[in-house]
Amino acid sequence: MSGAAHVPFDRERLEIVPLHLLEALKEAASNEDPEELMDLADGVAEHDAEVAGYLQNLIETFAYDTLSDLFDVRGR
């Protein structure tokens, strides 16, 4: 239902998403490109559908700063 972006998100769930996909998501977020972000979120769904849904909610609400912050987690 609504409010998915307000549910606490465990950043460790991003660990199963390939690094190249997270890097592409971070770049698309910094470019504020919702179409590319949605395409990339579809790729995340192959690894974790709930995470993809969370990301899609952020994309739909134009929460680009939050998205960029999430993708910094794996910046090794």
C-alpha atoms as a PDB file:
ATOM      1  CA  MET A   1       0.000   0.000   0.000  1.00  0.00           C
ATOM      2  CA  SER A   2       1.065   3.635   0.225  1.00  0.00           C
ATOM      3  CA  GLY A   3       3.960   4.955   2.247  1.00  0.00           C
ATOM      4  CA  ALA A   4       6.519   2.343   1.195  1.00  0.00           C
ATOM      5  CA  ALA A   5       9.245   4.997   1.165  1.00  0.00           C
ATOM      6  CA  HIS A   6       8.512   5.684   4.846  1.00  0.00           C
ATOM      7  CA  VAL A   7       9.135   2.093   5.936  1.00  0.00           C
ATOM      8  CA  PRO A   8      12.602   1.750   7.464  1.00  0.00           C
ATOM      9  CA  PHE A   9      14.918   0.364   4.807  1.00  0.00           C
ATOM     10  CA  ASP A  10      17.754  -2.002   5.641  1.00  0.00           C
ATOM     11  CA  ARG A  11      20.622  -0.833   3.443  1.00  0.00           C
ATOM     12  CA  GLU A  12      22.280  -4.235   3.782  1.00  0.00           C
ATOM     13  CA  ARG A  13      19.659  -5.548   1.367  1.00  0.00           C
ATOM     14  CA  LEU A  14      21.545  -3.703  -1.379  1.00  0.00           C
ATOM     15  CA  GLU A  15      24.458  -6.108  -0.857  1.00  0.00           C
ATOM     16  CA  ILE A  16      22.846  -8.649  -3.197  1.00  0.00           C
ATOM     17  CA  VAL A  17      22.540  -6.106  -6.013  1.00  0.00           C
ATOM     18  CA  PRO A  18      25.563  -6.169  -8.354  1.00  0.00           C
ATOM     19  CA  LEU A  19      27.880  -3.209  -7.899  1.00  0.00           C
ATOM     20  CA  HIS A  20      27.679  -2.209 -11.580  1.00  0.00           C
ATOM     21  CA  LEU A  21      23.903  -1.898 -11.246  1.00  0.00           C
ATOM     22  CA  LEU A  22      24.204   0.241  -8.111  1.00  0.00           C
ATOM     23  CA  GLU A  23      26.730   2.482  -9.858  1.00  0.00           C
ATOM     24  CA  ALA A  24      24.379   2.912 -12.822  1.00  0.00           C
ATOM     25  CA  LEU A  25      21.516   3.727 -10.427  1.00  0.00           C
ATOM     26  CA  LYS A  26      23.641   6.309  -8.612  1.00  0.00           C
ATOM     27  CA  GLU A  27      24.591   7.991 -11.891  1.00  0.00           C
ATOM     28  CA  ALA A  28      20.976   8.029 -13.104  1.00  0.00           C
ATOM     29  CA  ALA A  29      19.911   9.520  -9.752  1.00  0.00           C
ATOM     30  CA  SER A  30      22.561  12.227  -9.991  1.00  0.00           C
ATOM     31  CA  ASN A  31      21.323  12.973 -13.529  1.00  0.00           C
ATOM     32  CA  GLU A  32      17.726  12.943 -12.246  1.00  0.00           C
ATOM     33  CA  ASP A  33      16.732  10.571 -15.059  1.00  0.00           C
ATOM     34  CA  PRO A  34      13.501   8.870 -13.946  1.00  0.00           C
ATOM     35  CA  GLU A  35      13.135   6.736 -17.079  1.00  0.00           C
ATOM     36  CA  GLU A  36      16.598   5.213 -16.728  1.00  0.00           C
ATOM     37  CA  LEU A  37      16.104   4.816 -12.991  1.00  0.00           C
ATOM     38  CA  MET A  38      12.906   2.848 -13.564  1.00  0.00           C
ATOM     39  CA  ASP A  39      14.632   0.628 -16.133  1.00  0.00           C
ATOM     40  CA  LEU A  40      17.454  -0.015 -13.679  1.00  0.00           C
ATOM     41  CA  ALA A  41      15.018  -0.668 -10.832  1.00  0.00           C
ATOM     42  CA  ASP A  42      13.518  -3.394 -13.019  1.00  0.00           C
ATOM     43  CA  GLY A  43      16.987  -4.956 -13.021  1.00  0.00           C
ATOM     44  CA  VAL A  44      17.069  -4.784  -9.224  1.00  0.00           C
ATOM     45  CA  ALA A  45      13.801  -6.750  -9.174  1.00  0.00           C
ATOM     46  CA  GLU A  46      15.725  -9.744 -10.536  1.00  0.00           C
ATOM     47  CA  HIS A  47      17.661  -9.754  -7.252  1.00  0.00           C
ATOM     48  CA  ASP A  48      15.076  -8.480  -4.748  1.00  0.00           C
ATOM     49  CA  ALA A  49      11.543  -7.452  -5.711  1.00  0.00           C
ATOM     50  CA  GLU A  50      10.895  -5.604  -2.431  1.00  0.00           C
ATOM     51  CA  VAL A  51      14.006  -3.485  -2.814  1.00  0.00           C
ATOM     52  CA  ALA A  52      12.991  -2.724  -6.397  1.00  0.00           C
ATOM     53  CA  GLY A  53       9.556  -1.619  -5.176  1.00  0.00           C
ATOM     54  CA  TYR A  54      11.135   0.638  -2.564  1.00  0.00           C
ATOM     55  CA  LEU A  55      13.396   2.204  -5.213  1.00  0.00           C
ATOM     56  CA  GLN A  56      10.477   2.638  -7.623  1.00  0.00           C
ATOM     57  CA  ASN A  57       8.550   4.493  -4.920  1.00  0.00           C
ATOM     58  CA  LEU A  58      11.503   6.841  -4.387  1.00  0.00           C
ATOM     59  CA  ILE A  59      11.803   7.378  -8.138  1.00  0.00           C
ATOM     60  CA  GLU A  60       8.098   8.153  -8.497  1.00  0.00           C
ATOM     61  CA  THR A  61       8.376  10.758  -5.735  1.00  0.00           C
ATOM     62  CA  PHE A  62      11.545  12.277  -7.260  1.00  0.00           C
ATOM     63  CA  ALA A  63      13.601  11.521  -4.106  1.00  0.00           C
ATOM     64  CA  TYR A  64      16.910  11.672  -6.002  1.00  0.00           C
ATOM     65  CA  ASP A  65      18.973  12.719  -2.975  1.00  0.00           C
ATOM     66  CA  THR A  66      17.702   9.735  -0.999  1.00  0.00           C
ATOM     67  CA  LEU A  67      18.466   7.452  -3.931  1.00  0.00           C
ATOM     68  CA  SER A  68      22.008   8.804  -4.297  1.00  0.00           C
ATOM     69  CA  ASP A  69      22.609   8.351  -0.567  1.00  0.00           C
ATOM     70  CA  LEU A  70      21.445   4.728  -0.733  1.00  0.00           C
ATOM     71  CA  PHE A  71      23.848   3.881  -3.515  1.00  0.00           C
ATOM     72  CA  ASP A  72      26.834   5.316  -1.620  1.00  0.00           C
ATOM     73  CA  VAL A  73      26.558   2.353   0.762  1.00  0.00           C
ATOM     74  CA  ARG A  74      28.507   0.066  -1.550  1.00  0.00           C
ATOM     75  CA  GLY A  75      31.144   2.646  -2.472  1.00  0.00           C
ATOM     76  CA  ARG A  76      34.091   0.391  -1.830  1.00  0.00           C
END
